[in-house]
């Protein structure tokens, strides 16, 4: 549900492949668990972008599409593997929905929370 809320809000499509987070199912000690992978704001994508198209500010990560060459360097540098590119090659950056994260609001289990990080 959280992936659908994200992609619906950001892309106008209910498509988990376009979400800014990923929910994966895996086994841990013979127990099936669901794990949310989110951007942890490590800023690797900002640092490796050869054109400076990815910026970090008060509104989270933003992309200057005019500067982005869709090279994929940012996607490769993401340690969580959550950063993906759209069909045009532009990175799908999480901006936390400017303080109103839809993934948190729509999580049916209350498993996601948002908190301010300094």
N, C-alpha and C. Protein backbone atom coordinates (compact mmCIF):
# COMPACT_ATOMS: atom_id res chain seq x y z
N UNK A 1 0.82 -1.19 0.00
CA UNK A 1 0.00 0.00 0.00
C UNK A 1 0.87 1.26 0.00
N UNK A 2 1.97 1.25 0.78
CA UNK A 2 2.81 2.45 0.86
C UNK A 2 3.49 2.74 -0.48
N UNK A 3 3.88 1.68 -1.21
CA UNK A 3 4.48 1.89 -2.52
C UNK A 3 3.47 2.49 -3.49
N UNK A 4 2.24 2.04 -3.41
CA UNK A 4 1.19 2.56 -4.29
C UNK A 4 0.86 4.01 -3.96
N UNK A 5 0.84 4.34 -2.67
CA UNK A 5 0.58 5.72 -2.25
C UNK A 5 1.68 6.64 -2.78
N UNK A 6 2.91 6.18 -2.72
CA UNK A 6 4.04 6.97 -3.19
C UNK A 6 3.96 7.20 -4.70
N UNK A 7 3.83 6.12 -5.45
CA UNK A 7 3.82 6.26 -6.91
C UNK A 7 2.58 7.01 -7.39
N UNK A 8 1.46 6.81 -6.72
CA UNK A 8 0.25 7.54 -7.10
C UNK A 8 0.41 9.04 -6.91
N UNK A 9 1.00 9.41 -5.79
CA UNK A 9 1.20 10.84 -5.49
C UNK A 9 2.26 11.46 -6.41
N UNK A 10 3.38 10.78 -6.59
CA UNK A 10 4.49 11.37 -7.33
C UNK A 10 4.37 11.23 -8.85
N UNK A 11 3.80 10.12 -9.30
CA UNK A 11 3.78 9.85 -10.74
C UNK A 11 2.38 9.81 -11.34
N UNK A 12 1.35 9.84 -10.48
CA UNK A 12 -0.01 9.75 -11.00
C UNK A 12 -0.37 8.35 -11.48
N UNK A 13 0.43 7.36 -11.08
CA UNK A 13 0.19 5.96 -11.46
C UNK A 13 0.38 5.10 -10.22
N UNK A 14 -0.44 4.10 -10.07
CA UNK A 14 -0.28 3.15 -8.97
C UNK A 14 0.61 2.02 -9.47
N UNK A 15 1.92 2.23 -9.37
CA UNK A 15 2.92 1.30 -9.89
C UNK A 15 4.07 1.23 -8.90
N UNK A 16 4.21 0.13 -8.17
CA UNK A 16 5.29 0.02 -7.18
C UNK A 16 6.68 0.26 -7.75
N UNK A 17 6.87 -0.01 -9.03
CA UNK A 17 8.16 0.22 -9.67
C UNK A 17 8.52 1.68 -9.79
N UNK A 18 7.56 2.57 -9.58
CA UNK A 18 7.82 4.01 -9.65
C UNK A 18 7.83 4.66 -8.27
N UNK A 19 7.76 3.84 -7.23
CA UNK A 19 7.77 4.36 -5.86
C UNK A 19 9.19 4.74 -5.45
N UNK A 20 9.28 5.64 -4.50
CA UNK A 20 10.58 6.08 -3.98
C UNK A 20 11.05 5.20 -2.82
N UNK A 21 10.29 4.17 -2.50
CA UNK A 21 10.68 3.20 -1.50
C UNK A 21 10.38 1.82 -2.06
N UNK A 22 10.95 0.81 -1.44
CA UNK A 22 10.69 -0.56 -1.84
C UNK A 22 10.33 -1.37 -0.60
N UNK A 23 9.34 -2.22 -0.73
CA UNK A 23 9.01 -3.15 0.34
C UNK A 23 9.33 -4.53 -0.20
N UNK A 24 10.24 -5.21 0.48
CA UNK A 24 10.62 -6.55 0.05
C UNK A 24 10.24 -7.55 1.13
N UNK A 25 9.94 -8.74 0.71
CA UNK A 25 9.65 -9.84 1.64
C UNK A 25 10.84 -10.78 1.64
N UNK A 26 11.26 -11.18 2.83
CA UNK A 26 12.38 -12.10 2.94
C UNK A 26 12.21 -12.93 4.21
N UNK A 27 12.96 -14.01 4.27
CA UNK A 27 12.90 -14.87 5.45
C UNK A 27 14.07 -14.56 6.37
N UNK A 28 13.78 -14.44 7.64
CA UNK A 28 14.79 -14.29 8.68
C UNK A 28 14.48 -15.31 9.76
N UNK A 29 15.39 -16.23 9.97
CA UNK A 29 15.19 -17.30 10.96
C UNK A 29 13.86 -18.00 10.75
N UNK A 30 13.60 -18.39 9.51
CA UNK A 30 12.37 -19.12 9.14
C UNK A 30 11.09 -18.32 9.34
N UNK A 31 11.20 -17.01 9.47
CA UNK A 31 10.03 -16.15 9.62
C UNK A 31 9.99 -15.17 8.44
N UNK A 32 8.85 -15.10 7.80
CA UNK A 32 8.69 -14.16 6.69
C UNK A 32 8.52 -12.75 7.24
N UNK A 33 9.36 -11.83 6.78
CA UNK A 33 9.27 -10.44 7.22
C UNK A 33 9.19 -9.54 5.99
N UNK A 34 8.53 -8.42 6.16
CA UNK A 34 8.49 -7.38 5.13
C UNK A 34 9.41 -6.27 5.58
N UNK A 35 10.27 -5.85 4.68
CA UNK A 35 11.26 -4.83 5.01
C UNK A 35 11.11 -3.65 4.06
N UNK A 36 11.01 -2.46 4.62
CA UNK A 36 10.92 -1.25 3.80
C UNK A 36 12.32 -0.70 3.59
N UNK A 37 12.63 -0.44 2.34
CA UNK A 37 13.90 0.20 2.01
C UNK A 37 13.59 1.62 1.56
N UNK A 38 14.22 2.55 2.24
CA UNK A 38 13.97 3.97 2.00
C UNK A 38 15.28 4.70 1.79
N UNK A 39 15.21 5.86 1.21
CA UNK A 39 16.37 6.73 1.10
C UNK A 39 16.79 7.14 2.51
N UNK A 40 18.07 6.94 2.83
CA UNK A 40 18.55 7.33 4.16
C UNK A 40 19.31 8.66 4.13
N UNK A 41 19.18 9.37 3.01
CA UNK A 41 19.80 10.69 2.84
C UNK A 41 21.31 10.66 3.08
N UNK A 42 21.97 9.60 2.58
CA UNK A 42 23.42 9.51 2.72
C UNK A 42 24.14 10.52 1.83
N UNK A 43 23.45 11.01 0.82
CA UNK A 43 23.92 12.01 -0.13
C UNK A 43 24.97 11.50 -1.11
N UNK A 44 25.13 10.17 -1.21
CA UNK A 44 26.04 9.62 -2.22
C UNK A 44 25.64 10.08 -3.61
N UNK A 45 24.34 10.11 -3.89
CA UNK A 45 23.86 10.51 -5.21
C UNK A 45 24.25 11.95 -5.53
N UNK A 46 24.19 12.81 -4.53
CA UNK A 46 24.57 14.22 -4.71
C UNK A 46 26.05 14.31 -5.02
N UNK A 47 26.85 13.56 -4.28
CA UNK A 47 28.31 13.62 -4.41
C UNK A 47 28.81 13.08 -5.74
N UNK A 48 28.18 12.03 -6.28
CA UNK A 48 28.69 11.42 -7.50
C UNK A 48 28.10 12.00 -8.78
N UNK A 49 27.06 12.80 -8.68
CA UNK A 49 26.43 13.35 -9.89
C UNK A 49 27.43 14.23 -10.63
N UNK A 50 27.80 13.86 -11.86
CA UNK A 50 28.84 14.61 -12.57
C UNK A 50 28.41 16.00 -13.02
N UNK A 51 27.10 16.26 -13.06
CA UNK A 51 26.64 17.57 -13.52
C UNK A 51 26.09 18.44 -12.40
N UNK A 52 26.03 17.90 -11.18
CA UNK A 52 25.47 18.66 -10.06
C UNK A 52 23.96 18.81 -10.15
N UNK A 53 23.31 17.88 -10.84
CA UNK A 53 21.86 17.98 -11.05
C UNK A 53 21.04 17.61 -9.82
N UNK A 54 21.64 16.87 -8.88
CA UNK A 54 20.93 16.47 -7.67
C UNK A 54 21.37 17.39 -6.54
N UNK A 55 20.40 18.01 -5.91
CA UNK A 55 20.68 18.95 -4.83
C UNK A 55 20.01 18.50 -3.55
N UNK A 56 20.62 18.82 -2.43
CA UNK A 56 20.05 18.53 -1.13
C UNK A 56 19.77 19.84 -0.43
N UNK A 57 18.55 20.00 0.05
CA UNK A 57 18.17 21.23 0.73
C UNK A 57 17.07 20.98 1.73
N UNK A 58 16.44 22.05 2.17
CA UNK A 58 15.38 21.94 3.17
C UNK A 58 14.20 21.10 2.67
N UNK A 59 13.98 21.06 1.38
CA UNK A 59 12.88 20.28 0.81
C UNK A 59 13.31 18.85 0.47
N UNK A 60 14.46 18.42 0.97
CA UNK A 60 14.97 17.09 0.66
C UNK A 60 15.79 17.11 -0.61
N UNK A 61 15.83 16.00 -1.30
CA UNK A 61 16.58 15.90 -2.55
C UNK A 61 15.73 16.42 -3.70
N UNK A 62 16.36 17.19 -4.57
CA UNK A 62 15.67 17.69 -5.75
C UNK A 62 16.55 17.45 -6.97
N UNK A 63 15.92 17.37 -8.11
CA UNK A 63 16.61 17.12 -9.36
C UNK A 63 16.38 18.27 -10.33
N UNK A 64 17.47 18.77 -10.88
CA UNK A 64 17.39 19.75 -11.96
C UNK A 64 17.41 18.94 -13.26
N UNK A 65 16.24 18.70 -13.81
CA UNK A 65 16.13 17.85 -15.00
C UNK A 65 16.87 18.44 -16.20
N UNK A 66 17.05 19.75 -16.23
CA UNK A 66 17.80 20.35 -17.33
C UNK A 66 19.29 20.02 -17.26
N UNK A 67 19.79 19.79 -16.05
CA UNK A 67 21.20 19.46 -15.87
C UNK A 67 21.47 17.95 -15.92
N UNK A 68 20.46 17.15 -15.63
CA UNK A 68 20.63 15.69 -15.56
C UNK A 68 20.82 15.10 -16.96
N UNK A 69 21.83 14.24 -17.09
CA UNK A 69 22.09 13.57 -18.37
C UNK A 69 21.58 12.13 -18.38
N UNK A 70 20.90 11.72 -17.32
CA UNK A 70 20.37 10.35 -17.19
C UNK A 70 21.47 9.30 -17.31
N UNK A 71 22.64 9.60 -16.74
CA UNK A 71 23.78 8.69 -16.85
C UNK A 71 23.67 7.48 -15.93
N UNK A 72 22.88 7.58 -14.85
CA UNK A 72 22.70 6.47 -13.94
C UNK A 72 23.74 6.34 -12.85
N UNK A 73 24.69 7.26 -12.80
CA UNK A 73 25.73 7.20 -11.77
C UNK A 73 25.14 7.26 -10.38
N UNK A 74 24.12 8.06 -10.19
CA UNK A 74 23.48 8.19 -8.88
C UNK A 74 22.80 6.89 -8.47
N UNK A 75 22.15 6.23 -9.41
CA UNK A 75 21.47 4.96 -9.13
C UNK A 75 22.49 3.92 -8.69
N UNK A 76 23.62 3.86 -9.38
CA UNK A 76 24.67 2.90 -9.04
C UNK A 76 25.28 3.19 -7.67
N UNK A 77 25.31 4.44 -7.25
CA UNK A 77 25.95 4.83 -5.99
C UNK A 77 25.05 4.64 -4.77
N UNK A 78 23.79 4.35 -4.97
CA UNK A 78 22.84 4.24 -3.85
C UNK A 78 23.11 2.98 -3.04
N UNK A 79 23.51 3.12 -1.77
CA UNK A 79 23.84 1.93 -0.97
C UNK A 79 22.62 1.10 -0.57
N UNK A 80 21.45 1.71 -0.53
CA UNK A 80 20.24 0.96 -0.16
C UNK A 80 19.59 0.28 -1.36
N UNK A 81 19.99 0.68 -2.57
CA UNK A 81 19.41 0.11 -3.77
C UNK A 81 18.01 0.61 -4.07
N UNK A 82 17.57 1.61 -3.33
CA UNK A 82 16.21 2.10 -3.50
C UNK A 82 16.09 3.13 -4.63
N UNK A 83 17.19 3.79 -4.97
CA UNK A 83 17.14 4.81 -6.02
C UNK A 83 17.05 4.11 -7.37
N UNK A 84 16.00 4.43 -8.09
CA UNK A 84 15.76 3.87 -9.41
C UNK A 84 15.55 5.01 -10.40
N UNK A 85 15.58 4.66 -11.67
CA UNK A 85 15.36 5.66 -12.71
C UNK A 85 14.01 5.41 -13.37
N UNK A 86 13.41 6.50 -13.86
CA UNK A 86 12.16 6.35 -14.60
C UNK A 86 12.47 5.89 -16.02
N UNK A 87 11.46 5.78 -16.86
CA UNK A 87 11.68 5.26 -18.21
C UNK A 87 12.55 6.17 -19.07
N UNK A 88 12.69 7.43 -18.68
CA UNK A 88 13.55 8.36 -19.40
C UNK A 88 14.96 8.39 -18.83
N UNK A 89 15.19 7.64 -17.75
CA UNK A 89 16.51 7.60 -17.14
C UNK A 89 16.74 8.60 -16.02
N UNK A 90 15.72 9.39 -15.69
CA UNK A 90 15.86 10.35 -14.59
C UNK A 90 15.67 9.63 -13.25
N UNK A 91 16.49 9.96 -12.26
CA UNK A 91 16.35 9.30 -10.95
C UNK A 91 15.05 9.70 -10.26
N UNK A 92 14.44 8.72 -9.59
CA UNK A 92 13.22 8.95 -8.82
C UNK A 92 13.63 9.26 -7.39
N UNK A 93 13.80 10.52 -7.09
CA UNK A 93 14.30 10.96 -5.79
C UNK A 93 13.18 11.13 -4.77
N UNK A 94 13.45 10.72 -3.55
CA UNK A 94 12.49 10.91 -2.46
C UNK A 94 12.72 12.28 -1.83
N UNK A 95 11.67 13.06 -1.75
CA UNK A 95 11.75 14.36 -1.08
C UNK A 95 10.90 14.38 0.19
N UNK A 96 10.47 13.18 0.63
CA UNK A 96 9.65 13.11 1.84
C UNK A 96 8.30 13.77 1.67
N UNK A 97 7.89 13.98 0.42
CA UNK A 97 6.62 14.66 0.11
C UNK A 97 6.52 15.99 0.86
N UNK A 98 7.64 16.68 0.96
CA UNK A 98 7.72 17.98 1.63
C UNK A 98 7.08 17.97 3.01
N UNK A 99 7.44 16.94 3.79
CA UNK A 99 6.98 16.89 5.18
C UNK A 99 5.66 16.17 5.39
N UNK A 100 5.06 15.67 4.32
CA UNK A 100 3.79 14.94 4.42
C UNK A 100 3.92 13.61 3.67
N UNK A 101 4.79 12.71 4.16
CA UNK A 101 5.09 11.49 3.41
C UNK A 101 3.89 10.57 3.24
N UNK A 102 3.48 10.40 1.99
CA UNK A 102 2.31 9.58 1.70
C UNK A 102 2.52 8.12 2.11
N UNK A 103 3.75 7.62 2.00
CA UNK A 103 4.00 6.22 2.37
C UNK A 103 3.70 6.00 3.85
N UNK A 104 4.04 6.97 4.69
CA UNK A 104 3.77 6.87 6.13
C UNK A 104 2.27 7.00 6.38
N UNK A 105 1.65 7.97 5.75
CA UNK A 105 0.22 8.22 5.97
C UNK A 105 -0.65 7.03 5.57
N UNK A 106 -0.25 6.31 4.54
CA UNK A 106 -1.08 5.23 4.01
C UNK A 106 -0.63 3.84 4.43
N UNK A 107 0.42 3.73 5.22
CA UNK A 107 0.89 2.41 5.64
C UNK A 107 -0.19 1.75 6.50
N UNK A 108 -0.77 0.63 6.05
CA UNK A 108 -1.89 0.04 6.78
C UNK A 108 -1.51 -0.58 8.12
N UNK A 109 -0.23 -0.80 8.34
CA UNK A 109 0.20 -1.46 9.57
C UNK A 109 0.88 -0.50 10.55
N UNK A 110 1.03 0.76 10.15
CA UNK A 110 1.73 1.71 11.01
C UNK A 110 3.21 1.40 11.17
N UNK A 111 3.76 0.67 10.21
CA UNK A 111 5.15 0.24 10.29
C UNK A 111 6.14 1.35 9.93
N UNK A 112 5.68 2.37 9.22
CA UNK A 112 6.55 3.47 8.83
C UNK A 112 6.25 4.69 9.67
N UNK A 113 7.29 5.38 10.07
CA UNK A 113 7.14 6.64 10.79
C UNK A 113 8.08 7.65 10.16
N UNK A 114 7.77 8.90 10.35
CA UNK A 114 8.64 9.98 9.87
C UNK A 114 9.09 10.78 11.08
N UNK A 115 10.37 11.13 11.06
CA UNK A 115 10.89 11.97 12.12
C UNK A 115 11.93 12.90 11.53
N UNK A 116 12.11 14.03 12.16
CA UNK A 116 13.08 15.00 11.69
C UNK A 116 14.48 14.57 12.11
N UNK A 117 15.40 14.63 11.18
CA UNK A 117 16.79 14.27 11.45
C UNK A 117 17.64 15.53 11.31
N UNK A 118 18.44 15.78 12.30
CA UNK A 118 19.33 16.95 12.25
C UNK A 118 20.74 16.53 11.91
